[in-house]
Amino acid sequence: MQEDTRNLIDEYKNKTNEQVFDDLNKKRNALEIAIENVEHDFNIGSIVRTANSFNVSKVHIIGKKKYNRRGAMCTDKYLTIEHHATIKDFLKTQTDRELIAIENNTPRAKALHTKSFKPNVTLIFGSENSGITSELLEKAHDVRYIESFGSTRSVNVGAAAAIAMYEWTRQNVFKDA
């Protein structure tokens, strides 16, 4: 048998992509991720890869369908990824979820560490350069920023997504720890 060189945990080595997807689907977390794809951005692939690591229920790409998949390292094969051409189309899928924008460039934003996350949450991220559009930001139920202590006012959007996903996971998956 040829060695399985995919970046998978041992449990999934030598299984088909469909088998891996189906098994992960049985134990998905309630968390969903939305990425407003206002630019062709390598960071989107990175966010998709992190979403796989946290086994989120779904990733929503809002705007252009095309994104740089290199950062995802094929993890998009193990996730449900939905494309929504418009914000309105995306919002139709979110009627029972709390929408939390991760954005530092707005007076509405409060510190992430003070947020008490509910299970049915969709975290929203924007592009690295321009952030989340005002149209989508207005629809968010809550806006949070990630505290930073260095000379820049924010972390990279891929890193911000990882931090926010971990905080949701800490509160909802490790809640008894």
N, C-alpha and C. Protein backbone atom coordinates (compact mmCIF):
# COMPACT_ATOMS: atom_id res chain seq x y z
N MET A 1 0.84 -1.19 0.00
CA MET A 1 0.00 0.00 0.00
C MET A 1 0.89 1.25 0.00
N GLN A 2 0.52 2.19 -0.84
CA GLN A 2 1.27 3.43 -0.92
C GLN A 2 1.00 4.28 0.32
N GLU A 3 2.05 4.96 0.80
CA GLU A 3 1.93 5.80 2.00
C GLU A 3 1.00 6.98 1.73
N ASP A 4 0.10 7.23 2.68
CA ASP A 4 -0.82 8.36 2.61
C ASP A 4 -0.09 9.59 3.11
N THR A 5 0.22 10.53 2.22
CA THR A 5 1.02 11.70 2.58
C THR A 5 0.16 12.92 2.92
N ARG A 6 -1.15 12.75 2.95
CA ARG A 6 -2.02 13.88 3.30
C ARG A 6 -1.79 14.27 4.76
N ASN A 7 -1.98 15.55 5.05
CA ASN A 7 -1.80 16.07 6.40
C ASN A 7 -3.03 15.74 7.25
N LEU A 8 -3.14 14.46 7.62
CA LEU A 8 -4.28 13.97 8.38
C LEU A 8 -3.80 13.29 9.66
N ILE A 9 -4.65 13.31 10.67
CA ILE A 9 -4.34 12.54 11.87
C ILE A 9 -4.39 11.05 11.50
N ASP A 10 -3.72 10.23 12.28
CA ASP A 10 -3.59 8.81 11.96
C ASP A 10 -4.94 8.13 11.74
N GLU A 11 -5.94 8.51 12.49
CA GLU A 11 -7.28 7.92 12.38
C GLU A 11 -7.84 7.99 10.96
N TYR A 12 -7.43 9.01 10.20
CA TYR A 12 -7.98 9.21 8.86
C TYR A 12 -7.03 8.82 7.72
N LYS A 13 -5.85 8.38 8.05
CA LYS A 13 -4.92 7.93 7.00
C LYS A 13 -5.53 6.77 6.23
N ASN A 14 -5.33 6.76 4.95
CA ASN A 14 -5.78 5.70 4.04
C ASN A 14 -7.30 5.61 3.91
N LYS A 15 -8.02 6.64 4.34
CA LYS A 15 -9.45 6.72 4.10
C LYS A 15 -9.68 7.70 2.96
N THR A 16 -10.79 7.55 2.28
CA THR A 16 -11.11 8.48 1.20
C THR A 16 -11.51 9.83 1.80
N ASN A 17 -11.45 10.86 0.98
CA ASN A 17 -11.90 12.18 1.44
C ASN A 17 -13.35 12.13 1.90
N GLU A 18 -14.18 11.36 1.20
CA GLU A 18 -15.59 11.24 1.56
C GLU A 18 -15.75 10.55 2.92
N GLN A 19 -14.95 9.54 3.21
CA GLN A 19 -15.01 8.86 4.50
C GLN A 19 -14.59 9.80 5.63
N VAL A 20 -13.56 10.60 5.39
CA VAL A 20 -13.11 11.56 6.39
C VAL A 20 -14.21 12.59 6.63
N PHE A 21 -14.77 13.13 5.57
CA PHE A 21 -15.84 14.11 5.67
C PHE A 21 -17.01 13.54 6.47
N ASP A 22 -17.45 12.33 6.11
CA ASP A 22 -18.60 11.72 6.77
C ASP A 22 -18.35 11.50 8.26
N ASP A 23 -17.16 11.06 8.62
CA ASP A 23 -16.86 10.84 10.03
C ASP A 23 -16.83 12.16 10.80
N LEU A 24 -16.19 13.18 10.22
CA LEU A 24 -16.16 14.49 10.87
C LEU A 24 -17.56 15.06 11.01
N ASN A 25 -18.41 14.80 10.04
CA ASN A 25 -19.78 15.31 10.05
C ASN A 25 -20.57 14.79 11.26
N LYS A 26 -20.23 13.62 11.74
CA LYS A 26 -20.92 13.03 12.89
C LYS A 26 -20.61 13.76 14.19
N LYS A 27 -19.54 14.55 14.21
CA LYS A 27 -19.11 15.19 15.46
C LYS A 27 -18.77 16.66 15.30
N ARG A 28 -19.42 17.32 14.36
CA ARG A 28 -19.18 18.75 14.13
C ARG A 28 -19.58 19.60 15.34
N ASN A 29 -18.87 20.70 15.52
CA ASN A 29 -19.24 21.70 16.52
C ASN A 29 -20.32 22.60 15.94
N ALA A 30 -21.07 23.28 16.80
CA ALA A 30 -22.15 24.15 16.35
C ALA A 30 -21.65 25.44 15.69
N LEU A 31 -20.40 25.77 15.91
CA LEU A 31 -19.82 27.01 15.39
C LEU A 31 -19.82 27.03 13.86
N GLU A 32 -20.17 28.20 13.31
CA GLU A 32 -20.04 28.45 11.87
C GLU A 32 -19.15 29.66 11.68
N ILE A 33 -18.52 29.72 10.52
CA ILE A 33 -17.61 30.81 10.17
C ILE A 33 -18.11 31.46 8.89
N ALA A 34 -18.07 32.78 8.85
CA ALA A 34 -18.40 33.51 7.63
C ALA A 34 -17.23 34.41 7.27
N ILE A 35 -16.88 34.40 6.01
CA ILE A 35 -15.77 35.22 5.51
C ILE A 35 -16.31 36.08 4.38
N GLU A 36 -16.30 37.36 4.62
CA GLU A 36 -16.73 38.27 3.57
C GLU A 36 -15.57 38.45 2.62
N ASN A 37 -15.71 37.86 1.47
CA ASN A 37 -14.64 37.75 0.50
C ASN A 37 -14.63 38.95 -0.44
N VAL A 38 -14.28 40.11 0.08
CA VAL A 38 -14.29 41.31 -0.75
C VAL A 38 -13.05 41.42 -1.63
N GLU A 39 -12.07 40.58 -1.37
CA GLU A 39 -10.84 40.57 -2.18
C GLU A 39 -10.37 39.13 -2.33
N HIS A 40 -9.58 38.88 -3.34
CA HIS A 40 -8.96 37.56 -3.52
C HIS A 40 -7.86 37.47 -2.47
N ASP A 41 -8.05 36.66 -1.45
CA ASP A 41 -7.21 36.73 -0.27
C ASP A 41 -6.68 35.37 0.15
N PHE A 42 -5.37 35.24 0.30
CA PHE A 42 -4.74 34.02 0.78
C PHE A 42 -5.21 33.68 2.19
N ASN A 43 -5.55 34.69 2.98
CA ASN A 43 -5.99 34.45 4.36
C ASN A 43 -7.26 33.62 4.44
N ILE A 44 -8.10 33.68 3.44
CA ILE A 44 -9.33 32.88 3.46
C ILE A 44 -8.98 31.40 3.53
N GLY A 45 -8.00 30.96 2.76
CA GLY A 45 -7.57 29.57 2.82
C GLY A 45 -7.07 29.20 4.20
N SER A 46 -6.37 30.11 4.83
CA SER A 46 -5.88 29.89 6.18
C SER A 46 -7.03 29.75 7.17
N ILE A 47 -8.06 30.57 7.03
CA ILE A 47 -9.23 30.49 7.90
C ILE A 47 -9.96 29.17 7.69
N VAL A 48 -10.07 28.74 6.44
CA VAL A 48 -10.71 27.45 6.14
C VAL A 48 -9.94 26.32 6.81
N ARG A 49 -8.63 26.36 6.74
CA ARG A 49 -7.81 25.32 7.38
C ARG A 49 -8.04 25.31 8.90
N THR A 50 -8.09 26.47 9.51
CA THR A 50 -8.34 26.55 10.94
C THR A 50 -9.75 26.07 11.27
N ALA A 51 -10.72 26.40 10.45
CA ALA A 51 -12.10 25.94 10.65
C ALA A 51 -12.15 24.41 10.66
N ASN A 52 -11.36 23.79 9.79
CA ASN A 52 -11.28 22.33 9.80
C ASN A 52 -10.69 21.83 11.11
N SER A 53 -9.67 22.49 11.60
CA SER A 53 -9.02 22.09 12.84
C SER A 53 -10.00 22.11 14.01
N PHE A 54 -10.92 23.06 14.02
CA PHE A 54 -11.91 23.16 15.08
C PHE A 54 -13.21 22.42 14.73
N ASN A 55 -13.24 21.77 13.57
CA ASN A 55 -14.38 20.98 13.10
C ASN A 55 -15.69 21.74 13.16
N VAL A 56 -15.67 22.95 12.61
CA VAL A 56 -16.87 23.79 12.60
C VAL A 56 -17.94 23.16 11.69
N SER A 57 -19.17 23.56 11.92
CA SER A 57 -20.29 23.02 11.14
C SER A 57 -20.24 23.44 9.68
N LYS A 58 -19.87 24.69 9.47
CA LYS A 58 -19.96 25.22 8.11
C LYS A 58 -19.10 26.46 7.97
N VAL A 59 -18.62 26.67 6.76
CA VAL A 59 -17.92 27.90 6.41
C VAL A 59 -18.71 28.57 5.29
N HIS A 60 -19.00 29.85 5.48
CA HIS A 60 -19.72 30.63 4.48
C HIS A 60 -18.73 31.59 3.83
N ILE A 61 -18.71 31.60 2.51
CA ILE A 61 -17.92 32.58 1.75
C ILE A 61 -18.93 33.54 1.14
N ILE A 62 -18.82 34.81 1.50
CA ILE A 62 -19.76 35.82 1.03
C ILE A 62 -19.05 36.69 0.00
N GLY A 63 -19.62 36.76 -1.18
CA GLY A 63 -19.02 37.57 -2.24
C GLY A 63 -18.47 36.68 -3.33
N LYS A 64 -17.29 37.03 -3.82
CA LYS A 64 -16.68 36.26 -4.90
C LYS A 64 -16.42 34.82 -4.46
N LYS A 65 -16.75 33.90 -5.33
CA LYS A 65 -16.59 32.48 -5.00
C LYS A 65 -15.12 32.07 -4.98
N LYS A 66 -14.34 32.75 -5.74
CA LYS A 66 -12.93 32.38 -5.88
C LYS A 66 -12.12 32.88 -4.69
N TYR A 67 -11.27 32.00 -4.16
CA TYR A 67 -10.32 32.41 -3.14
C TYR A 67 -9.07 31.55 -3.29
N ASN A 68 -8.00 31.96 -2.70
CA ASN A 68 -6.73 31.25 -2.80
C ASN A 68 -6.77 30.03 -1.90
N ARG A 69 -6.95 28.86 -2.48
CA ARG A 69 -7.12 27.62 -1.71
C ARG A 69 -5.80 27.03 -1.21
N ARG A 70 -4.68 27.58 -1.62
CA ARG A 70 -3.39 27.03 -1.16
C ARG A 70 -3.28 27.03 0.35
N GLY A 71 -3.76 28.08 0.99
CA GLY A 71 -3.69 28.17 2.44
C GLY A 71 -4.54 27.14 3.15
N ALA A 72 -5.57 26.63 2.46
CA ALA A 72 -6.46 25.63 3.06
C ALA A 72 -5.81 24.25 3.10
N MET A 73 -4.79 24.02 2.29
CA MET A 73 -4.06 22.75 2.23
C MET A 73 -5.01 21.55 2.12
N CYS A 74 -6.00 21.66 1.24
CA CYS A 74 -6.99 20.62 0.92
C CYS A 74 -7.99 20.35 2.03
N THR A 75 -7.97 21.11 3.13
CA THR A 75 -8.93 20.87 4.21
C THR A 75 -10.34 21.24 3.80
N ASP A 76 -10.49 22.01 2.72
CA ASP A 76 -11.82 22.35 2.23
C ASP A 76 -12.59 21.10 1.80
N LYS A 77 -11.89 19.99 1.57
CA LYS A 77 -12.54 18.74 1.20
C LYS A 77 -13.27 18.10 2.37
N TYR A 78 -12.96 18.52 3.57
CA TYR A 78 -13.52 17.90 4.78
C TYR A 78 -14.52 18.80 5.50
N LEU A 79 -14.92 19.88 4.84
CA LEU A 79 -15.84 20.86 5.42
C LEU A 79 -17.01 21.13 4.47
N THR A 80 -18.10 21.60 5.05
CA THR A 80 -19.18 22.13 4.22
C THR A 80 -18.89 23.61 4.02
N ILE A 81 -18.69 23.97 2.77
CA ILE A 81 -18.44 25.37 2.43
C ILE A 81 -19.55 25.84 1.52
N GLU A 82 -20.23 26.89 1.94
CA GLU A 82 -21.33 27.45 1.15
C GLU A 82 -20.93 28.81 0.63
N HIS A 83 -21.25 29.05 -0.63
CA HIS A 83 -21.00 30.35 -1.23
C HIS A 83 -22.31 31.13 -1.29
N HIS A 84 -22.24 32.39 -0.91
CA HIS A 84 -23.38 33.29 -0.99
C HIS A 84 -22.94 34.51 -1.79
N ALA A 85 -23.62 34.76 -2.88
CA ALA A 85 -23.24 35.87 -3.74
C ALA A 85 -23.43 37.22 -3.04
N THR A 86 -24.41 37.29 -2.16
CA THR A 86 -24.70 38.57 -1.50
C THR A 86 -24.84 38.38 0.02
N ILE A 87 -24.76 39.47 0.73
CA ILE A 87 -24.97 39.46 2.18
C ILE A 87 -26.39 39.02 2.48
N LYS A 88 -27.34 39.48 1.68
CA LYS A 88 -28.75 39.11 1.87
C LYS A 88 -28.92 37.60 1.77
N ASP A 89 -28.28 36.97 0.81
CA ASP A 89 -28.36 35.51 0.66
C ASP A 89 -27.78 34.81 1.89
N PHE A 90 -26.65 35.31 2.38
CA PHE A 90 -26.03 34.74 3.58
C PHE A 90 -26.96 34.85 4.78
N LEU A 91 -27.54 36.03 4.99
CA LEU A 91 -28.38 36.27 6.16
C LEU A 91 -29.60 35.36 6.19
N LYS A 92 -30.09 34.93 5.05
CA LYS A 92 -31.23 34.01 5.00
C LYS A 92 -30.90 32.68 5.68
N THR A 93 -29.62 32.32 5.74
CA THR A 93 -29.21 31.05 6.34
C THR A 93 -28.91 31.19 7.83
N GLN A 94 -29.05 32.38 8.38
CA GLN A 94 -28.58 32.66 9.74
C GLN A 94 -29.70 33.07 10.70
N THR A 95 -30.90 32.67 10.47
CA THR A 95 -32.03 33.15 11.25
C THR A 95 -32.00 32.73 12.71
N ASP A 96 -31.35 31.63 13.04
CA ASP A 96 -31.34 31.15 14.42
C ASP A 96 -29.95 31.21 15.06
N ARG A 97 -29.11 32.08 14.55
CA ARG A 97 -27.72 32.14 15.02
C ARG A 97 -27.36 33.55 15.47
N GLU A 98 -26.47 33.64 16.44
CA GLU A 98 -25.93 34.94 16.84
C GLU A 98 -24.76 35.26 15.91
N LEU A 99 -24.82 36.40 15.28
CA LEU A 99 -23.76 36.84 14.36
C LEU A 99 -22.79 37.73 15.12
N ILE A 100 -21.54 37.30 15.19
CA ILE A 100 -20.52 38.06 15.90
C ILE A 100 -19.42 38.43 14.92
N ALA A 101 -19.28 39.72 14.68
CA ALA A 101 -18.24 40.22 13.79
C ALA A 101 -16.95 40.39 14.60
N ILE A 102 -15.85 39.95 14.04
CA ILE A 102 -14.54 40.18 14.64
C ILE A 102 -13.92 41.32 13.83
N GLU A 103 -13.94 42.50 14.43
CA GLU A 103 -13.56 43.72 13.71
C GLU A 103 -13.07 44.75 14.71
N ASN A 104 -11.94 45.34 14.44
CA ASN A 104 -11.41 46.33 15.39
C ASN A 104 -11.63 47.77 14.96
N ASN A 105 -12.15 47.97 13.79
CA ASN A 105 -12.22 49.32 13.24
C ASN A 105 -13.63 49.90 13.37
N THR A 106 -14.22 49.79 14.55
CA THR A 106 -15.55 50.34 14.77
C THR A 106 -15.76 50.64 16.25
N PRO A 107 -16.46 51.72 16.57
CA PRO A 107 -16.70 52.05 17.98
C PRO A 107 -17.57 51.00 18.69
N ARG A 108 -18.33 50.20 17.96
CA ARG A 108 -19.19 49.16 18.56
C ARG A 108 -18.39 48.02 19.18
N ALA A 109 -17.17 47.85 18.78
CA ALA A 109 -16.40 46.68 19.18
C ALA A 109 -16.06 46.69 20.66
N LYS A 110 -16.21 45.50 21.27
CA LYS A 110 -15.83 45.28 22.66
C LYS A 110 -14.77 44.18 22.68
N ALA A 111 -14.04 44.10 23.76
CA ALA A 111 -12.95 43.13 23.88
C ALA A 111 -13.46 41.69 23.80
N LEU A 112 -12.78 40.87 23.04
CA LEU A 112 -13.16 39.47 22.87
C LEU A 112 -13.17 38.72 24.19
N HIS A 113 -12.21 39.00 25.06
CA HIS A 113 -12.10 38.21 26.29
C HIS A 113 -13.29 38.40 27.24
N THR A 114 -14.11 39.41 26.99
CA THR A 114 -15.27 39.63 27.85
C THR A 114 -16.54 38.98 27.29
N LYS A 115 -16.44 38.34 26.15
CA LYS A 115 -17.61 37.73 25.50
C LYS A 115 -17.93 36.36 26.10
N SER A 116 -19.19 36.15 26.41
CA SER A 116 -19.69 34.84 26.83
C SER A 116 -20.40 34.23 25.62
N PHE A 117 -19.76 33.26 24.99
CA PHE A 117 -20.27 32.69 23.75
C PHE A 117 -21.37 31.66 23.98
N LYS A 118 -22.43 31.77 23.21
CA LYS A 118 -23.47 30.76 23.14
C LYS A 118 -23.04 29.72 22.10
N PRO A 119 -23.65 28.55 22.08
CA PRO A 119 -23.25 27.55 21.09
C PRO A 119 -23.54 27.95 19.63
N ASN A 120 -24.76 28.45 19.33
CA ASN A 120 -25.13 28.73 17.95
C ASN A 120 -24.66 30.10 17.50
N VAL A 121 -23.38 30.16 17.18
CA VAL A 121 -22.73 31.41 16.81
C VAL A 121 -22.13 31.28 15.42
N THR A 122 -22.17 32.36 14.69
CA THR A 122 -21.40 32.47 13.45
C THR A 122 -20.44 33.64 13.63
N LEU A 123 -19.16 33.33 13.55
CA LEU A 123 -18.12 34.36 13.61
C LEU A 123 -17.90 34.90 12.21
N ILE A 124 -17.87 36.21 12.08
CA ILE A 124 -17.73 36.86 10.77
C ILE A 124 -16.37 37.56 10.70
N PHE A 125 -15.68 37.33 9.58
CA PHE A 125 -14.38 37.96 9.33
C PHE A 125 -14.42 38.65 7.98
N GLY A 126 -13.67 39.74 7.86
CA GLY A 126 -13.60 40.48 6.61
C GLY A 126 -12.23 40.33 5.98
N SER A 127 -11.98 41.14 4.99
CA SER A 127 -10.70 41.07 4.30
C SER A 127 -9.61 41.71 5.15
N GLU A 128 -8.40 41.35 4.84
CA GLU A 128 -7.24 41.86 5.59
C GLU A 128 -7.14 43.39 5.46
N ASN A 129 -7.42 43.91 4.30
CA ASN A 129 -7.22 45.34 4.06
C ASN A 129 -8.37 46.23 4.51
N SER A 130 -9.59 45.84 4.19
CA SER A 130 -10.71 46.74 4.44
C SER A 130 -11.68 46.26 5.50
N GLY A 131 -11.47 45.08 6.05
CA GLY A 131 -12.34 44.59 7.11
C GLY A 131 -13.70 44.16 6.61
N ILE A 132 -14.66 44.17 7.50
CA ILE A 132 -16.04 43.78 7.19
C ILE A 132 -16.77 45.02 6.67
N THR A 133 -17.56 44.84 5.62
CA THR A 133 -18.29 45.98 5.06
C THR A 133 -19.30 46.52 6.07
N SER A 134 -19.62 47.79 5.94
CA SER A 134 -20.58 48.40 6.86
C SER A 134 -21.95 47.73 6.75
N GLU A 135 -22.31 47.27 5.56
CA GLU A 135 -23.60 46.59 5.37
C GLU A 135 -23.70 45.33 6.24
N LEU A 136 -22.65 44.53 6.25
CA LEU A 136 -22.66 43.31 7.05
C LEU A 136 -22.45 43.61 8.53
N LEU A 137 -21.61 44.57 8.82
CA LEU A 137 -21.34 44.96 10.21
C LEU A 137 -22.62 45.41 10.91
N GLU A 138 -23.48 46.11 10.19
CA GLU A 138 -24.76 46.57 10.75
C GLU A 138 -25.67 45.41 11.13
N LYS A 139 -25.53 44.28 10.45
CA LYS A 139 -26.37 43.11 10.71
C LYS A 139 -25.85 42.25 11.85
N ALA A 140 -24.62 42.46 12.26
CA ALA A 140 -24.03 41.67 13.35
C ALA A 140 -24.72 42.00 14.67
N HIS A 141 -24.98 40.98 15.46
CA HIS A 141 -25.58 41.17 16.78
C HIS A 141 -24.57 41.72 17.78
N ASP A 142 -23.30 41.42 17.54
CA ASP A 142 -22.24 41.81 18.45
C ASP A 142 -20.97 42.00 17.62
N VAL A 143 -20.09 42.88 18.08
CA VAL A 143 -18.82 43.12 17.42
C VAL A 143 -17.72 43.04 18.47
N ARG A 144 -16.69 42.28 18.18
CA ARG A 144 -15.59 42.09 19.12
C ARG A 144 -14.26 42.35 18.44
N TYR A 145 -13.31 42.82 19.24
CA TYR A 145 -11.94 42.97 18.75
C TYR A 145 -11.02 42.13 19.62
N ILE A 146 -9.88 41.80 19.08
CA ILE A 146 -8.88 41.02 19.81
C ILE A 146 -7.85 41.99 20.35
N GLU A 147 -7.69 41.95 21.65
CA GLU A 147 -6.77 42.85 22.32
C GLU A 147 -5.34 42.58 21.83
N SER A 148 -4.60 43.63 21.58
CA SER A 148 -3.20 43.48 21.21
C SER A 148 -2.37 44.49 22.00
N PHE A 149 -1.11 44.18 22.15
CA PHE A 149 -0.27 44.96 23.06
C PHE A 149 1.02 45.46 22.42
N GLY A 150 1.16 45.22 21.14
CA GLY A 150 2.36 45.69 20.43
C GLY A 150 2.10 46.99 19.70
N SER A 151 2.86 47.24 18.66
CA SER A 151 2.77 48.51 17.95
C SER A 151 1.67 48.55 16.89
N THR A 152 1.21 47.39 16.41
CA THR A 152 0.14 47.39 15.41
C THR A 152 -1.21 47.30 16.11
N ARG A 153 -2.24 47.78 15.45
CA ARG A 153 -3.56 47.81 16.08
C ARG A 153 -4.34 46.52 15.91
N SER A 154 -3.79 45.55 15.17
CA SER A 154 -4.52 44.31 14.97
C SER A 154 -3.58 43.18 14.59
N VAL A 155 -4.11 41.96 14.75
CA VAL A 155 -3.38 40.79 14.26
C VAL A 155 -3.89 40.45 12.87
N ASN A 156 -3.15 39.66 12.16
CA ASN A 156 -3.55 39.17 10.84
C ASN A 156 -4.92 38.51 10.94
N VAL A 157 -5.77 38.64 9.92
CA VAL A 157 -7.13 38.10 9.97
C VAL A 157 -7.14 36.59 10.12
N GLY A 158 -6.17 35.89 9.56
CA GLY A 158 -6.09 34.45 9.75
C GLY A 158 -5.81 34.11 11.21
N ALA A 159 -4.91 34.86 11.82
CA ALA A 159 -4.62 34.66 13.25
C ALA A 159 -5.82 35.06 14.10
N ALA A 160 -6.50 36.13 13.75
CA ALA A 160 -7.69 36.56 14.49
C ALA A 160 -8.76 35.47 14.46
N ALA A 161 -8.93 34.84 13.31
CA ALA A 161 -9.92 33.76 13.20
C ALA A 161 -9.55 32.60 14.11
N ALA A 162 -8.28 32.25 14.15
CA ALA A 162 -7.84 31.15 15.01
C ALA A 162 -8.08 31.48 16.48
N ILE A 163 -7.77 32.70 16.88
CA ILE A 163 -7.97 33.12 18.27
C ILE A 163 -9.45 33.07 18.63
N ALA A 164 -10.30 33.61 17.78
CA ALA A 164 -11.74 33.66 18.05
C ALA A 164 -12.34 32.26 18.07
N MET A 165 -11.93 31.40 17.15
CA MET A 165 -12.44 30.03 17.13
C MET A 165 -12.02 29.29 18.40
N TYR A 166 -10.79 29.53 18.82
CA TYR A 166 -10.33 28.88 20.05
C TYR A 166 -11.13 29.36 21.26
N GLU A 167 -11.41 30.64 21.33
CA GLU A 167 -12.16 31.17 22.47
C GLU A 167 -13.57 30.59 22.49
N TRP A 168 -14.23 30.49 21.34
CA TRP A 168 -15.54 29.85 21.30
C TRP A 168 -15.42 28.40 21.77
N THR A 169 -14.41 27.70 21.27
CA THR A 169 -14.20 26.30 21.64
C THR A 169 -13.93 26.15 23.13
N ARG A 170 -13.11 27.03 23.67
CA ARG A 170 -12.79 26.97 25.10
C ARG A 170 -14.06 27.06 25.94
N GLN A 171 -14.98 27.92 25.51
CA GLN A 171 -16.20 28.12 26.28
C GLN A 171 -17.27 27.06 26.02
N ASN A 172 -17.30 26.48 24.83
CA ASN A 172 -18.40 25.58 24.46
C ASN A 172 -18.02 24.11 24.38
N VAL A 173 -16.77 23.82 24.15
CA VAL A 173 -16.33 22.42 24.08
C VAL A 173 -15.63 22.03 25.37
N PHE A 174 -14.79 22.92 25.88
CA PHE A 174 -14.05 22.65 27.12
C PHE A 174 -14.73 23.26 28.34
N LYS A 175 -16.02 23.51 28.24
CA LYS A 175 -16.73 24.26 29.28
C LYS A 175 -16.67 23.60 30.67
N ASP A 176 -16.43 22.30 30.75
CA ASP A 176 -16.35 21.62 32.03
C ASP A 176 -14.94 21.53 32.57
N ALA A 177 -13.98 21.97 31.78
CA ALA A 177 -12.57 21.86 32.20
C ALA A 177 -12.20 22.94 33.19
